[in-house]
Amino acid sequence: MAGEPAPPLRIGDNLVGYCAGVFGRDAYGEKRVEAIGCDWVIAREPDGQIRMYEGPPEYLCQFVVKGKR
């Protein structure tokens, strides 16, 4: 239904591609969420590289790959 908030970000969620650049300009691959804090998220790319986002985890909900939750 329109206007409903996105479900919360969860460990194990897959994030699509670039994610508006929040993981850095070289982080283009799909990422898997490995840890979540109140104002940070750690994700891992398929090649094993760790990426960190500093900000509200709720912002990343828009980048969750549908069907891979």
Protein backbone atom coordinates (compact mmCIF):
# COMPACT_ATOMS: atom_id res chain seq x y z
CA MET A 1 0.00 0.00 0.00
CA ALA A 2 1.32 3.44 -0.89
CA GLY A 3 2.65 5.54 1.94
CA GLU A 4 3.58 2.62 4.16
CA PRO A 5 7.09 2.69 5.60
CA ALA A 6 9.63 0.20 4.25
CA PRO A 7 10.33 -2.82 6.47
CA PRO A 8 13.39 -2.33 8.68
CA LEU A 9 16.80 -3.23 7.34
CA ARG A 10 17.91 -6.67 8.51
CA ILE A 11 21.15 -8.61 8.64
CA GLY A 12 21.26 -10.80 5.56
CA ASP A 13 19.46 -8.31 3.30
CA ASN A 14 21.01 -7.80 -0.11
CA LEU A 15 21.51 -4.22 -1.30
CA VAL A 16 21.42 -3.41 -4.99
CA GLY A 17 24.45 -1.93 -6.72
CA TYR A 18 25.66 1.58 -6.09
CA CYS A 19 23.23 2.58 -3.27
CA ALA A 20 23.50 6.25 -4.23
CA GLY A 21 27.22 6.10 -3.44
CA VAL A 22 26.86 5.77 0.35
CA PHE A 23 29.42 2.92 0.47
CA GLY A 24 31.96 4.83 -1.63
CA ARG A 25 32.38 5.62 -5.29
CA ASP A 26 33.93 2.24 -6.12
CA ALA A 27 31.23 0.10 -4.48
CA TYR A 28 29.09 -0.90 -7.47
CA GLY A 29 28.35 -4.56 -6.70
CA GLU A 30 25.44 -6.02 -4.78
CA LYS A 31 26.19 -6.08 -1.06
CA ARG A 32 24.97 -8.27 1.81
CA VAL A 33 24.26 -6.59 5.16
CA GLU A 34 26.40 -8.15 7.91
CA ALA A 35 25.97 -5.79 10.88
CA ILE A 36 23.70 -2.89 11.82
CA GLY A 37 24.12 -0.24 14.51
CA CYS A 38 22.02 2.76 15.41
CA ASP A 39 23.89 4.96 12.91
CA TRP A 40 26.01 2.61 10.78
CA VAL A 41 25.81 -0.48 8.54
CA ILE A 42 28.51 -2.96 7.52
CA ALA A 43 28.02 -4.80 4.23
CA ARG A 44 30.14 -7.26 2.23
CA GLU A 45 30.53 -7.38 -1.53
CA PRO A 46 30.72 -10.71 -3.40
CA ASP A 47 34.52 -10.40 -3.65
CA GLY A 48 34.70 -10.26 0.16
CA GLN A 49 35.39 -6.53 0.45
CA ILE A 50 33.84 -4.91 3.53
CA ARG A 51 32.00 -1.61 3.12
CA MET A 52 30.76 0.72 5.84
CA TYR A 53 27.94 3.24 5.72
CA GLU A 54 27.69 5.90 8.42
CA GLY A 55 24.13 7.10 8.75
CA PRO A 56 20.65 5.89 9.60
CA PRO A 57 20.10 2.27 8.53
CA GLU A 58 16.52 3.16 7.49
CA TYR A 59 17.95 5.10 4.52
CA LEU A 60 19.25 1.86 2.99
CA CYS A 61 15.83 0.16 2.97
CA GLN A 62 15.13 1.69 -0.43
CA PHE A 63 18.06 -0.28 -1.88
CA VAL A 64 17.07 -3.75 -0.61
CA VAL A 65 16.86 -6.21 -3.51
CA LYS A 66 13.24 -7.30 -3.75
CA GLY A 67 12.75 -11.04 -3.44
CA LYS A 68 16.11 -11.57 -1.67
CA ARG A 69 14.98 -10.79 1.87
